[in-house]
Amino acid sequence: TLEDCYRLAREHYPIVQKLDLITKSEDYTL
């Protein structure tokens, strides 16, 4: 389905990995 494609694209898109990096950076700053 189209919603499946949205979900899979979000999980697979490389830029999503930056979310974890930003969270870790925030933890170090705090």
PDB file of all heavy atoms in Angstrom:
ATOM      1  N   THR A   1       0.840  -1.197   0.000  1.00  0.00           N
ATOM      2  CA  THR A   1       0.000   0.000   0.000  1.00  0.00           C
ATOM      3  C   THR A   1       0.876   1.248   0.000  1.00  0.00           C
ATOM      4  O   THR A   1       2.087   1.188   0.244  1.00  0.00           O
ATOM      5  CB  THR A   1      -0.921   0.031   1.231  1.00  0.00           C
ATOM      6  OG1 THR A   1      -0.119   0.175   2.413  1.00  0.00           O
ATOM      7  CG2 THR A   1      -1.739  -1.257   1.317  1.00  0.00           C
ATOM      8  N   LEU A   2       0.241   2.367  -0.243  1.00  0.00           N
ATOM      9  CA  LEU A   2       0.965   3.636  -0.228  1.00  0.00           C
ATOM     10  C   LEU A   2       1.508   3.927   1.169  1.00  0.00           C
ATOM     11  O   LEU A   2       2.640   4.415   1.321  1.00  0.00           O
ATOM     12  CB  LEU A   2       0.044   4.764  -0.696  1.00  0.00           C
ATOM     13  CG  LEU A   2       0.660   6.169  -0.762  1.00  0.00           C
ATOM     14  CD1 LEU A   2       1.881   6.193  -1.672  1.00  0.00           C
ATOM     15  CD2 LEU A   2      -0.380   7.183  -1.242  1.00  0.00           C
ATOM     16  N   GLU A   3       0.729   3.624   2.210  1.00  0.00           N
ATOM     17  CA  GLU A   3       1.189   3.849   3.585  1.00  0.00           C
ATOM     18  C   GLU A   3       2.380   2.961   3.915  1.00  0.00           C
ATOM     19  O   GLU A   3       3.295   3.375   4.646  1.00  0.00           O
ATOM     20  CB  GLU A   3       0.046   3.595   4.574  1.00  0.00           C
ATOM     21  CG  GLU A   3      -1.086   4.609   4.495  1.00  0.00           C
ATOM     22  CD  GLU A   3      -0.610   6.029   4.787  1.00  0.00           C
ATOM     23  OE1 GLU A   3       0.293   6.204   5.632  1.00  0.00           O
ATOM     24  OE2 GLU A   3      -1.145   6.964   4.154  1.00  0.00           O
ATOM     25  N   ASP A   4       2.380   1.728   3.375  1.00  0.00           N
ATOM     26  CA  ASP A   4       3.544   0.851   3.551  1.00  0.00           C
ATOM     27  C   ASP A   4       4.791   1.493   2.946  1.00  0.00           C
ATOM     28  O   ASP A   4       5.876   1.461   3.542  1.00  0.00           O
ATOM     29  CB  ASP A   4       3.301  -0.507   2.889  1.00  0.00           C
ATOM     30  CG  ASP A   4       2.250  -1.332   3.612  1.00  0.00           C
ATOM     31  OD1 ASP A   4       2.051  -1.095   4.814  1.00  0.00           O
ATOM     32  OD2 ASP A   4       1.631  -2.198   2.964  1.00  0.00           O
ATOM     33  N   CYS A   5       4.630   2.072   1.772  1.00  0.00           N
ATOM     34  CA  CYS A   5       5.761   2.713   1.100  1.00  0.00           C
ATOM     35  C   CYS A   5       6.265   3.910   1.901  1.00  0.00           C
ATOM     36  O   CYS A   5       7.476   4.123   2.019  1.00  0.00           O
ATOM     37  CB  CYS A   5       5.367   3.144  -0.315  1.00  0.00           C
ATOM     38  SG  CYS A   5       5.068   1.763  -1.447  1.00  0.00           S
ATOM     39  N   TYR A   6       5.344   4.696   2.440  1.00  0.00           N
ATOM     40  CA  TYR A   6       5.745   5.829   3.287  1.00  0.00           C
ATOM     41  C   TYR A   6       6.575   5.342   4.475  1.00  0.00           C
ATOM     42  O   TYR A   6       7.625   5.901   4.800  1.00  0.00           O
ATOM     43  CB  TYR A   6       4.514   6.580   3.794  1.00  0.00           C
ATOM     44  CG  TYR A   6       3.793   7.423   2.767  1.00  0.00           C
ATOM     45  CD1 TYR A   6       2.471   7.800   2.948  1.00  0.00           C
ATOM     46  CD2 TYR A   6       4.445   7.856   1.615  1.00  0.00           C
ATOM     47  CE1 TYR A   6       1.804   8.581   2.017  1.00  0.00           C
ATOM     48  CE2 TYR A   6       3.785   8.635   0.677  1.00  0.00           C
ATOM     49  CZ  TYR A   6       2.468   8.997   0.882  1.00  0.00           C
ATOM     50  OH  TYR A   6       1.812   9.780  -0.034  1.00  0.00           O
ATOM     51  N   ARG A   7       6.066   4.300   5.134  1.00  0.00           N
ATOM     52  CA  ARG A   7       6.736   3.795   6.340  1.00  0.00           C
ATOM     53  C   ARG A   7       8.117   3.215   6.003  1.00  0.00           C
ATOM     54  O   ARG A   7       9.114   3.524   6.683  1.00  0.00           O
ATOM     55  CB  ARG A   7       5.863   2.723   7.001  1.00  0.00           C
ATOM     56  CG  ARG A   7       6.507   2.044   8.197  1.00  0.00           C
ATOM     57  CD  ARG A   7       5.568   1.007   8.796  1.00  0.00           C
ATOM     58  NE  ARG A   7       5.079   0.068   7.804  1.00  0.00           N
ATOM     59  CZ  ARG A   7       5.775  -0.990   7.382  1.00  0.00           C
ATOM     60  NH1 ARG A   7       6.991  -1.224   7.858  1.00  0.00           N
ATOM     61  NH2 ARG A   7       5.259  -1.810   6.483  1.00  0.00           N
ATOM     62  N   LEU A   8       8.184   2.408   4.959  1.00  0.00           N
ATOM     63  CA  LEU A   8       9.453   1.778   4.584  1.00  0.00           C
ATOM     64  C   LEU A   8      10.468   2.825   4.114  1.00  0.00           C
ATOM     65  O   LEU A   8      11.658   2.722   4.419  1.00  0.00           O
ATOM     66  CB  LEU A   8       9.219   0.738   3.488  1.00  0.00           C
ATOM     67  CG  LEU A   8       8.441  -0.510   3.919  1.00  0.00           C
ATOM     68  CD1 LEU A   8       8.096  -1.368   2.704  1.00  0.00           C
ATOM     69  CD2 LEU A   8       9.242  -1.321   4.930  1.00  0.00           C
ATOM     70  N   ALA A   9       9.989   3.827   3.383  1.00  0.00           N
ATOM     71  CA  ALA A   9      10.895   4.873   2.903  1.00  0.00           C
ATOM     72  C   ALA A   9      11.478   5.646   4.080  1.00  0.00           C
ATOM     73  O   ALA A   9      12.669   5.992   4.078  1.00  0.00           O
ATOM     74  CB  ALA A   9      10.156   5.820   1.961  1.00  0.00           C
ATOM     75  N   ARG A  10      10.663   5.914   5.081  1.00  0.00           N
ATOM     76  CA  ARG A  10      11.154   6.628   6.263  1.00  0.00           C
ATOM     77  C   ARG A  10      12.214   5.801   6.996  1.00  0.00           C
ATOM     78  O   ARG A  10      13.230   6.319   7.441  1.00  0.00           O
ATOM     79  CB  ARG A  10       9.993   6.944   7.204  1.00  0.00           C
ATOM     80  CG  ARG A  10      10.412   7.676   8.472  1.00  0.00           C
ATOM     81  CD  ARG A  10       9.259   7.867   9.437  1.00  0.00           C
ATOM     82  NE  ARG A  10       9.713   8.501  10.665  1.00  0.00           N
ATOM     83  CZ  ARG A  10       9.767   9.821  10.855  1.00  0.00           C
ATOM     84  NH1 ARG A  10       9.371  10.636   9.915  1.00  0.00           N
ATOM     85  NH2 ARG A  10      10.213  10.312  12.006  1.00  0.00           N
ATOM     86  N   GLU A  11      11.960   4.490   7.117  1.00  0.00           N
ATOM     87  CA  GLU A  11      12.914   3.632   7.818  1.00  0.00           C
ATOM     88  C   GLU A  11      14.215   3.477   7.038  1.00  0.00           C
ATOM     89  O   GLU A  11      15.290   3.342   7.645  1.00  0.00           O
ATOM     90  CB  GLU A  11      12.286   2.250   8.045  1.00  0.00           C
ATOM     91  CG  GLU A  11      11.084   2.265   8.983  1.00  0.00           C
ATOM     92  CD  GLU A  11      10.390   0.928   9.040  1.00  0.00           C
ATOM     93  OE1 GLU A  11      10.808   0.006   8.288  1.00  0.00           O
ATOM     94  OE2 GLU A  11       9.421   0.776   9.820  1.00  0.00           O
ATOM     95  N   HIS A  12      14.131   3.509   5.721  1.00  0.00           N
ATOM     96  CA  HIS A  12      15.300   3.221   4.885  1.00  0.00           C
ATOM     97  C   HIS A  12      16.091   4.463   4.506  1.00  0.00           C
ATOM     98  O   HIS A  12      17.289   4.360   4.216  1.00  0.00           O
ATOM     99  CB  HIS A  12      14.832   2.496   3.611  1.00  0.00           C
ATOM    100  CG  HIS A  12      15.949   2.109   2.694  1.00  0.00           C
ATOM    101  ND1 HIS A  12      16.874   1.141   3.008  1.00  0.00           N
ATOM    102  CD2 HIS A  12      16.296   2.573   1.456  1.00  0.00           C
ATOM    103  CE1 HIS A  12      17.740   1.017   2.011  1.00  0.00           C
ATOM    104  NE2 HIS A  12      17.423   1.866   1.068  1.00  0.00           N
ATOM    105  N   TYR A  13      15.453   5.628   4.526  1.00  0.00           N
ATOM    106  CA  TYR A  13      16.124   6.839   4.044  1.00  0.00           C
ATOM    107  C   TYR A  13      17.317   7.161   4.952  1.00  0.00           C
ATOM    108  O   TYR A  13      17.182   7.226   6.173  1.00  0.00           O
ATOM    109  CB  TYR A  13      15.135   8.003   4.044  1.00  0.00           C
ATOM    110  CG  TYR A  13      15.467   9.084   3.039  1.00  0.00           C
ATOM    111  CD1 TYR A  13      15.709   8.784   1.714  1.00  0.00           C
ATOM    112  CD2 TYR A  13      15.531  10.417   3.420  1.00  0.00           C
ATOM    113  CE1 TYR A  13      15.996   9.767   0.783  1.00  0.00           C
ATOM    114  CE2 TYR A  13      15.821  11.419   2.497  1.00  0.00           C
ATOM    115  CZ  TYR A  13      16.053  11.074   1.187  1.00  0.00           C
ATOM    116  OH  TYR A  13      16.345  12.057   0.274  1.00  0.00           O
ATOM    117  N   PRO A  14      18.512   7.376   4.373  1.00  0.00           N
ATOM    118  CA  PRO A  14      19.733   7.547   5.186  1.00  0.00           C
ATOM    119  C   PRO A  14      19.652   8.678   6.204  1.00  0.00           C
ATOM    120  O   PRO A  14      20.230   8.581   7.288  1.00  0.00           O
ATOM    121  CB  PRO A  14      20.817   7.829   4.133  1.00  0.00           C
ATOM    122  CG  PRO A  14      20.297   7.216   2.879  1.00  0.00           C
ATOM    123  CD  PRO A  14      18.806   7.381   2.935  1.00  0.00           C
ATOM    124  N   ILE A  15      18.933   9.740   5.875  1.00  0.00           N
ATOM    125  CA  ILE A  15      18.931  10.913   6.755  1.00  0.00           C
ATOM    126  C   ILE A  15      18.274  10.617   8.102  1.00  0.00           C
ATOM    127  O   ILE A  15      18.506  11.342   9.088  1.00  0.00           O
ATOM    128  CB  ILE A  15      18.227  12.091   6.055  1.00  0.00           C
ATOM    129  CG1 ILE A  15      18.650  13.417   6.689  1.00  0.00           C
ATOM    130  CG2 ILE A  15      16.718  11.946   6.107  1.00  0.00           C
ATOM    131  CD1 ILE A  15      18.150  14.623   5.943  1.00  0.00           C
ATOM    132  N   VAL A  16      17.479   9.521   8.184  1.00  0.00           N
ATOM    133  CA  VAL A  16      16.827   9.166   9.447  1.00  0.00           C
ATOM    134  C   VAL A  16      17.870   8.857  10.524  1.00  0.00           C
ATOM    135  O   VAL A  16      17.644   9.084  11.718  1.00  0.00           O
ATOM    136  CB  VAL A  16      15.884   7.961   9.239  1.00  0.00           C
ATOM    137  CG1 VAL A  16      15.311   7.473  10.553  1.00  0.00           C
ATOM    138  CG2 VAL A  16      14.748   8.345   8.300  1.00  0.00           C
ATOM    139  N   GLN A  17      19.031   8.345  10.101  1.00  0.00           N
ATOM    140  CA  GLN A  17      20.080   8.025  11.072  1.00  0.00           C
ATOM    141  C   GLN A  17      20.538   9.262  11.837  1.00  0.00           C
ATOM    142  O   GLN A  17      21.037   9.149  12.971  1.00  0.00           O
ATOM    143  CB  GLN A  17      21.264   7.382  10.348  1.00  0.00           C
ATOM    144  CG  GLN A  17      20.917   6.087   9.629  1.00  0.00           C
ATOM    145  CD  GLN A  17      22.060   5.548   8.800  1.00  0.00           C
ATOM    146  OE1 GLN A  17      23.155   6.108   8.794  1.00  0.00           O
ATOM    147  NE2 GLN A  17      21.828   4.462   8.098  1.00  0.00           N
ATOM    148  N   LYS A  18      20.367  10.438  11.248  1.00  0.00           N
ATOM    149  CA  LYS A  18      20.788  11.666  11.929  1.00  0.00           C
ATOM    150  C   LYS A  18      19.941  11.953  13.161  1.00  0.00           C
ATOM    151  O   LYS A  18      20.392  12.665  14.064  1.00  0.00           O
ATOM    152  CB  LYS A  18      20.724  12.845  10.957  1.00  0.00           C
ATOM    153  CG  LYS A  18      21.728  12.772   9.820  1.00  0.00           C
ATOM    154  CD  LYS A  18      21.616  13.966   8.891  1.00  0.00           C
ATOM    155  CE  LYS A  18      22.021  15.251   9.579  1.00  0.00           C
ATOM    156  NZ  LYS A  18      22.005  16.400   8.638  1.00  0.00           N
ATOM    157  N   LEU A  19      18.725  11.409  13.220  1.00  0.00           N
ATOM    158  CA  LEU A  19      17.875  11.640  14.398  1.00  0.00           C
ATOM    159  C   LEU A  19      18.545  11.090  15.652  1.00  0.00           C
ATOM    160  O   LEU A  19      18.553  11.744  16.703  1.00  0.00           O
ATOM    161  CB  LEU A  19      16.505  10.997  14.189  1.00  0.00           C
ATOM    162  CG  LEU A  19      15.602  11.644  13.133  1.00  0.00           C
ATOM    163  CD1 LEU A  19      14.346  10.808  12.908  1.00  0.00           C
ATOM    164  CD2 LEU A  19      15.220  13.060  13.543  1.00  0.00           C
ATOM    165  N   ASP A  20      19.113   9.873  15.548  1.00  0.00           N
ATOM    166  CA  ASP A  20      19.808   9.297  16.703  1.00  0.00           C
ATOM    167  C   ASP A  20      21.061  10.096  17.045  1.00  0.00           C
ATOM    168  O   ASP A  20      21.387  10.289  18.222  1.00  0.00           O
ATOM    169  CB  ASP A  20      20.190   7.844  16.418  1.00  0.00           C
ATOM    170  CG  ASP A  20      18.977   6.931  16.370  1.00  0.00           C
ATOM    171  OD1 ASP A  20      17.956   7.283  16.997  1.00  0.00           O
ATOM    172  OD2 ASP A  20      19.041   5.881  15.709  1.00  0.00           O
ATOM    173  N   LEU A  21      21.761  10.568  16.016  1.00  0.00           N
ATOM    174  CA  LEU A  21      22.977  11.348  16.260  1.00  0.00           C
ATOM    175  C   LEU A  21      22.650  12.661  16.969  1.00  0.00           C
ATOM    176  O   LEU A  21      23.379  13.092  17.869  1.00  0.00           O
ATOM    177  CB  LEU A  21      23.694  11.623  14.937  1.00  0.00           C
ATOM    178  CG  LEU A  21      24.184  10.388  14.159  1.00  0.00           C
ATOM    179  CD1 LEU A  21      24.823  10.811  12.840  1.00  0.00           C
ATOM    180  CD2 LEU A  21      25.169   9.593  14.997  1.00  0.00           C
ATOM    181  N   ILE A  22      21.550  13.287  16.561  1.00  0.00           N
ATOM    182  CA  ILE A  22      21.145  14.545  17.204  1.00  0.00           C
ATOM    183  C   ILE A  22      20.771  14.297  18.663  1.00  0.00           C
ATOM    184  O   ILE A  22      21.123  15.083  19.551  1.00  0.00           O
ATOM    185  CB  ILE A  22      19.974  15.175  16.432  1.00  0.00           C
ATOM    186  CG1 ILE A  22      20.434  15.625  15.037  1.00  0.00           C
ATOM    187  CG2 ILE A  22      19.395  16.360  17.201  1.00  0.00           C
ATOM    188  CD1 ILE A  22      19.308  16.086  14.140  1.00  0.00           C
ATOM    189  N   THR A  23      20.071  13.191  18.932  1.00  0.00           N
ATOM    190  CA  THR A  23      19.688  12.862  20.306  1.00  0.00           C
ATOM    191  C   THR A  23      20.923  12.630  21.177  1.00  0.00           C
ATOM    192  O   THR A  23      21.002  13.122  22.314  1.00  0.00           O
ATOM    193  CB  THR A  23      18.794  11.612  20.323  1.00  0.00           C
ATOM    194  OG1 THR A  23      17.611  11.869  19.557  1.00  0.00           O
ATOM    195  CG2 THR A  23      18.397  11.249  21.746  1.00  0.00           C
ATOM    196  N   LYS A  24      21.889  11.900  20.643  1.00  0.00           N
ATOM    197  CA  LYS A  24      23.114  11.656  21.416  1.00  0.00           C
ATOM    198  C   LYS A  24      23.874  12.949  21.660  1.00  0.00           C
ATOM    199  O   LYS A  24      24.399  13.182  22.754  1.00  0.00           O
ATOM    200  CB  LYS A  24      24.003  10.662  20.665  1.00  0.00           C
ATOM    201  CG  LYS A  24      23.429   9.250  20.611  1.00  0.00           C
ATOM    202  CD  LYS A  24      24.335   8.308  19.833  1.00  0.00           C
ATOM    203  CE  LYS A  24      23.748   6.903  19.775  1.00  0.00           C
ATOM    204  NZ  LYS A  24      24.600   5.976  18.992  1.00  0.00           N
ATOM    205  N   SER A  25      23.941  13.795  20.646  1.00  0.00           N
ATOM    206  CA  SER A  25      24.615  15.082  20.806  1.00  0.00           C
ATOM    207  C   SER A  25      23.925  15.929  21.873  1.00  0.00           C
ATOM    208  O   SER A  25      24.587  16.592  22.688  1.00  0.00           O
ATOM    209  CB  SER A  25      24.633  15.828  19.461  1.00  0.00           C
ATOM    210  OG  SER A  25      25.223  17.095  19.601  1.00  0.00           O
ATOM    211  N   GLU A  26      22.596  15.911  21.872  1.00  0.00           N
ATOM    212  CA  GLU A  26      21.841  16.652  22.889  1.00  0.00           C
ATOM    213  C   GLU A  26      22.146  16.124  24.288  1.00  0.00           C
ATOM    214  O   GLU A  26      22.329  16.905  25.238  1.00  0.00           O
ATOM    215  CB  GLU A  26      20.343  16.542  22.602  1.00  0.00           C
ATOM    216  CG  GLU A  26      19.469  17.240  23.632  1.00  0.00           C
ATOM    217  CD  GLU A  26      17.993  16.975  23.408  1.00  0.00           C
ATOM    218  OE1 GLU A  26      17.647  16.331  22.396  1.00  0.00           O
ATOM    219  OE2 GLU A  26      17.180  17.396  24.252  1.00  0.00           O
ATOM    220  N   ASP A  27      22.216  14.793  24.431  1.00  0.00           N
ATOM    221  CA  ASP A  27      22.508  14.201  25.741  1.00  0.00           C
ATOM    222  C   ASP A  27      23.878  14.644  26.250  1.00  0.00           C
ATOM    223  O   ASP A  27      24.031  14.974  27.438  1.00  0.00           O
ATOM    224  CB  ASP A  27      22.456  12.671  25.638  1.00  0.00           C
ATOM    225  CG  ASP A  27      21.043  12.155  25.394  1.00  0.00           C
ATOM    226  OD1 ASP A  27      20.084  12.912  25.669  1.00  0.00           O
ATOM    227  OD2 ASP A  27      20.904  11.017  24.915  1.00  0.00           O
ATOM    228  N   TYR A  28      24.871  14.669  25.359  1.00  0.00           N
ATOM    229  CA  TYR A  28      26.212  15.103  25.770  1.00  0.00           C
ATOM    230  C   TYR A  28      26.211  16.579  26.174  1.00  0.00           C
ATOM    231  O   TYR A  28      26.848  16.969  27.158  1.00  0.00           O
ATOM    232  CB  TYR A  28      27.209  14.874  24.632  1.00  0.00           C
ATOM    233  CG  TYR A  28      27.610  13.427  24.448  1.00  0.00           C
ATOM    234  CD1 TYR A  28      27.516  12.820  23.200  1.00  0.00           C
ATOM    235  CD2 TYR A  28      28.080  12.676  25.514  1.00  0.00           C
ATOM    236  CE1 TYR A  28      27.873  11.493  23.024  1.00  0.00           C
ATOM    237  CE2 TYR A  28      28.432  11.347  25.348  1.00  0.00           C
ATOM    238  CZ  TYR A  28      28.337  10.760  24.100  1.00  0.00           C
ATOM    239  OH  TYR A  28      28.691   9.447  23.938  1.00  0.00           O
ATOM    240  N   THR A  29      25.496  17.391  25.401  1.00  0.00           N
ATOM    241  CA  THR A  29      25.445  18.826  25.719  1.00  0.00           C
ATOM    242  C   THR A  29      24.780  19.076  27.065  1.00  0.00           C
ATOM    243  O   THR A  29      25.257  19.890  27.868  1.00  0.00           O
ATOM    244  CB  THR A  29      24.684  19.583  24.608  1.00  0.00           C
ATOM    245  OG1 THR A  29      25.321  19.347  23.351  1.00  0.00           O
ATOM    246  CG2 THR A  29      24.687  21.076  24.878  1.00  0.00           C
ATOM    247  N   LEU A  30      23.676  18.374  27.337  1.00  0.00           N
ATOM    248  CA  LEU A  30      22.989  18.532  28.618  1.00  0.00           C
ATOM    249  C   LEU A  30      23.855  18.028  29.771  1.00  0.00           C
ATOM    250  O   LEU A  30      23.876  18.634  30.850  1.00  0.00           O
ATOM    251  CB  LEU A  30      21.659  17.777  28.589  1.00  0.00           C
ATOM    252  CG  LEU A  30      20.596  18.319  27.629  1.00  0.00           C
ATOM    253  CD1 LEU A  30      19.356  17.427  27.655  1.00  0.00           C
ATOM    254  CD2 LEU A  30      20.218  19.742  27.983  1.00  0.00           C
TER     255      LEU A  30
END
